[in-house]
Amino acid sequence: MITRLRIAGMSSQYCVQAVFTSLTPVPGILATDVSIGTVVVEHDGQATLQRLREAIAVSGYEVLLGTEEPRRLPVL
C-alpha cells in the first residue's frame, strides 16, 4: 500500500525531521518520504491512515488530507 498525506504547518527541515521521527514506531512501514507539507508512506497495510494521523499528531502537526492506493508493480 502507498499512503499520501498532506500536512499542515510544516515549513522547515526541522519539521520534516520531526514528522519522519514520529513515524518511526508505526508498524508495517517499509519506506517513508517526507518533504515540506507532504508525506508518502509505503507499507504492508498495518500502517493505517488513522495510525499515521495519530503518529504525526504527536509531533505537533495535522494531516489535512490522506489517500491510500494499492502498490503498483512495474510492468515488464
C-alpha atoms as a PDB file:
ATOM      1  CA  MET A   1       0.000   0.000   0.000  1.00  0.00           C
ATOM      2  CA  ILE A   2       1.006   3.590  -0.572  1.00  0.00           C
ATOM      3  CA  THR A   3      -0.449   6.364   1.561  1.00  0.00           C
ATOM      4  CA  ARG A   4      -0.023  10.010   0.575  1.00  0.00           C
ATOM      5  CA  LEU A   5      -0.567  12.698   3.209  1.00  0.00           C
ATOM      6  CA  ARG A   6      -0.813  16.491   3.165  1.00  0.00           C
ATOM      7  CA  ILE A   7       0.461  18.017   6.408  1.00  0.00           C
ATOM      8  CA  ALA A   8      -0.404  21.452   7.822  1.00  0.00           C
ATOM      9  CA  GLY A   9       2.196  23.692   9.428  1.00  0.00           C
ATOM     10  CA  MET A  10       5.405  22.231   8.002  1.00  0.00           C
ATOM     11  CA  SER A  11       7.799  24.991   6.944  1.00  0.00           C
ATOM     12  CA  SER A  12      11.372  23.843   7.548  1.00  0.00           C
ATOM     13  CA  GLN A  13      13.785  20.938   7.577  1.00  0.00           C
ATOM     14  CA  TYR A  14      13.208  20.677  11.331  1.00  0.00           C
ATOM     15  CA  CYS A  15       9.525  19.973  10.607  1.00  0.00           C
ATOM     16  CA  VAL A  16      10.489  17.291   8.100  1.00  0.00           C
ATOM     17  CA  GLN A  17      12.740  15.583  10.651  1.00  0.00           C
ATOM     18  CA  ALA A  18      10.100  15.788  13.400  1.00  0.00           C
ATOM     19  CA  VAL A  19       7.440  14.146  11.212  1.00  0.00           C
ATOM     20  CA  PHE A  20       9.872  11.490   9.948  1.00  0.00           C
ATOM     21  CA  THR A  21      10.866  10.642  13.525  1.00  0.00           C
ATOM     22  CA  SER A  22       7.242  10.452  14.675  1.00  0.00           C
ATOM     23  CA  LEU A  23       6.508   7.813  12.021  1.00  0.00           C
ATOM     24  CA  THR A  24       9.392   5.538  13.087  1.00  0.00           C
ATOM     25  CA  PRO A  25       7.425   3.458  15.655  1.00  0.00           C
ATOM     26  CA  VAL A  26       4.426   2.821  13.364  1.00  0.00           C
ATOM     27  CA  PRO A  27       4.405  -0.906  12.499  1.00  0.00           C
ATOM     28  CA  GLY A  28       4.376  -2.032   8.890  1.00  0.00           C
ATOM     29  CA  ILE A  29       6.149   0.945   7.285  1.00  0.00           C
ATOM     30  CA  LEU A  30       8.550  -0.160   4.546  1.00  0.00           C
ATOM     31  CA  ALA A  31       9.656   3.271   3.250  1.00  0.00           C
ATOM     32  CA  THR A  32       8.885   6.894   4.060  1.00  0.00           C
ATOM     33  CA  ASP A  33       9.490  10.036   2.007  1.00  0.00           C
ATOM     34  CA  VAL A  34       8.882  13.249   3.944  1.00  0.00           C
ATOM     35  CA  SER A  35       9.159  16.721   2.430  1.00  0.00           C
ATOM     36  CA  ILE A  36       7.722  20.066   3.470  1.00  0.00           C
ATOM     37  CA  GLY A  37       3.959  19.646   3.516  1.00  0.00           C
ATOM     38  CA  THR A  38       3.791  16.074   2.208  1.00  0.00           C
ATOM     39  CA  VAL A  39       4.487  12.512   3.264  1.00  0.00           C
ATOM     40  CA  VAL A  40       4.471   9.364   1.138  1.00  0.00           C
ATOM     41  CA  VAL A  41       4.491   6.094   3.067  1.00  0.00           C
ATOM     42  CA  GLU A  42       4.900   2.649   1.547  1.00  0.00           C
ATOM     43  CA  HIS A  43       3.616   0.000   3.946  1.00  0.00           C
ATOM     44  CA  ASP A  44       2.269  -3.519   4.246  1.00  0.00           C
ATOM     45  CA  GLY A  45      -1.244  -2.462   5.305  1.00  0.00           C
ATOM     46  CA  GLN A  46      -0.665  -2.309   9.061  1.00  0.00           C
ATOM     47  CA  ALA A  47       0.092   1.420   8.934  1.00  0.00           C
ATOM     48  CA  THR A  48      -3.494   2.596   8.598  1.00  0.00           C
ATOM     49  CA  LEU A  49      -4.393   6.182   7.842  1.00  0.00           C
ATOM     50  CA  GLN A  50      -5.578   6.562  11.452  1.00  0.00           C
ATOM     51  CA  ARG A  51      -2.277   5.280  12.882  1.00  0.00           C
ATOM     52  CA  LEU A  52      -0.324   7.637  10.631  1.00  0.00           C
ATOM     53  CA  ARG A  53      -2.527  10.592  11.659  1.00  0.00           C
ATOM     54  CA  GLU A  54      -2.014   9.796  15.337  1.00  0.00           C
ATOM     55  CA  ALA A  55       1.764   9.441  14.968  1.00  0.00           C
ATOM     56  CA  ILE A  56       2.054  12.755  13.120  1.00  0.00           C
ATOM     57  CA  ALA A  57      -0.149  14.475  15.710  1.00  0.00           C
ATOM     58  CA  VAL A  58       2.411  13.503  18.371  1.00  0.00           C
ATOM     59  CA  SER A  59       4.974  15.673  16.550  1.00  0.00           C
ATOM     60  CA  GLY A  60       2.549  18.619  16.608  1.00  0.00           C
ATOM     61  CA  TYR A  61       1.304  18.573  13.004  1.00  0.00           C
ATOM     62  CA  GLU A  62      -2.086  17.854  11.489  1.00  0.00           C
ATOM     63  CA  VAL A  63      -2.886  15.655   8.495  1.00  0.00           C
ATOM     64  CA  LEU A  64      -5.145  17.668   6.195  1.00  0.00           C
ATOM     65  CA  LEU A  65      -5.683  15.031   3.537  1.00  0.00           C
ATOM     66  CA  GLY A  66      -4.798  11.364   3.232  1.00  0.00           C
ATOM     67  CA  THR A  67      -5.213   8.991   0.310  1.00  0.00           C
ATOM     68  CA  GLU A  68      -4.443   5.289   0.100  1.00  0.00           C
ATOM     69  CA  GLU A  69      -3.753   3.265  -3.004  1.00  0.00           C
ATOM     70  CA  PRO A  70      -2.501  -0.243  -3.650  1.00  0.00           C
ATOM     71  CA  ARG A  71       1.137  -0.533  -4.549  1.00  0.00           C
ATOM     72  CA  ARG A  72       1.626  -0.960  -8.273  1.00  0.00           C
ATOM     73  CA  LEU A  73       4.089  -3.464  -9.589  1.00  0.00           C
ATOM     74  CA  PRO A  74       6.217  -2.457 -12.563  1.00  0.00           C
ATOM     75  CA  VAL A  75       5.114  -3.727 -15.964  1.00  0.00           C
ATOM     76  CA  LEU A  76       7.810  -5.713 -17.745  1.00  0.00           C
END
